[in-house]
């Protein structure tokens, strides 16, 4: 139950701090002792000594640090002294030290919980119960589990049955979870109608990392007699073991983020294609941008196997370069989802939602609105693998005459397989997409005196096959890295062409060509948790598009432009071969 608080950054002991952060505690101690005498140096000496199993020497260093002119922050100092007292078996002094942590301090609730354990071990169960009651309101999920562990120690063993349960509680409190699980299973065998012993057996298995056994014990406990509080605790443990909507448990979350970025090819926005006829090297396509977003999520437990979530997200990206500011985007998205645990390790879900995009800054206007529905079937075959099938349908509406070509339905089917490997996970997937939006017609004045007008006919509907993989790695509790990569083969549903009207009044179709693109996306991301509420994320994204529609391409037949079909790339509507680089730094706050 004890938590040791590390030294805050910003003091002149950089080498020692780095050694401590890397787990080289003996080296950190020596470096701190060699630094100029100070409270910060002595404090770090104490931390290193505690981590190497020398609480008495650690306490001596903490006491010396507390008398130094630059004494450490009192809440963390008292907390760490309490940890030393507890490790030395001086439980009353430990309780007193934990009690000195001020209310409102980040460590206050953890200090109250530890004070409760110290009071219990000092033979003062009444005081331990008071600390548990004080810590319970507003506790986080992990803190709530610790409060329940303390309350379990305080529960009269006679009410639970036999000595095996009492021995299990003692072993659990001492951190001997393998031994505790054996006692609880023996108690469950002797009292098959009582769910609490089975609950604690599952809690012990979870502490041991035995997810399968923990799930089985907790599921069995919910089918037996449990108090309302114990039932809630069982659900919390199962939430920690679950995937999908259940994984975060019921609650409400709010987030806000802000950050700068750079986009090398703004014209290819990706959300709703807006090609520019006759795109050339003179068109400025790169720009810095700023992006802000907000999010709200509420998750509910409707029954033991049914969960729901409501969410809203809004974002605004504003480009700084004036030629591309009209491509600035604002998004609002709302969803409602339910997920049902239909059978053992099988989940079924439904989601309904809506999106609306706006574009421009000075000329702010609607771009596209859509409603969508998704269904999924998930099979968690083992604790390490999951197979998932997603089906989606969306109806999109281009807002206003300018964006009418963005109207149409979209259908998606995605099959994915996830592997979870300790600190890492990998997901591979295949997706089929049918996007049946419309066709854009862009007219321009012809320089050819034999033509009255020219109009590019640019269809945007396509079918696509894509494969991809996503990897996630968490080398440290506060650091997460991920890498996403995918390749998509798009085949457009209608021909690109150039429609011309001649001076004789005839309408002709030139350069009719069915477009096909290959798109490659690579996106590495690194995210660091700065505190319990703040996270800093850096992301890079590369998009490479290769197409047979590009006015820069060379024709095999030099006379193709003069033929009856005028089938030559000089008449293409856009440059379909391009690269897009994007980088972004984002600071996110979550409550």
Foldseek 3Di string as FASTA:
>chain_A
DADADDDDDDDPQVVLSVCVVVVVLVVSLVSLVPDPDALSSLQSNLVSCVSVPNLVSSLVSLVVSCPGPCRDDQQSSLSSNLVSCVSVVVLVSSLVSLVPRDPPDPCNLVSLLSSLVSCVSVVNNVSSVVSLVVNCPPHDLVSNLSSVLSVLQSPPVVVLPDDLQNVLSVCVVVVVLVSSLVSLVVSCVVVVQALPSLQSNLVSCVSVVNLVSSVVSLVSSCVHDDDPSSVVNSLSVVLCLDDDLSVRHFDKKKKKKKWKKKKQALQPVPPFHDFAFPDDPPQRGIFIKMKMKMKIKGKDDPDSFKIKMKMKMKMWIATDDVSCRQSTKIKIKIKIKMWGPPDVQKIKMKMKMKMWMWGHDVPIDTAKIKIKMKIKIKGPPDSFKIKMKMKMKMFMAGPDPVRRQQGDMKIKIKIKMKGHDVQKIKMKMKMKMWRQGGWDKDKDQDPDLFFGIKIKIGGDTWIKIKIWMKMKGDPDPFKIKMKIKMKMKIWHDAWIWMWIAGPVGDIDTAQTHTKIKMKIKIKIKMKGAPDPWKIKMKMKMKIWMDMPAALPDADPDPCCCVDPRNNDNVRGGHHRGDMMMMIMMMMMTMD
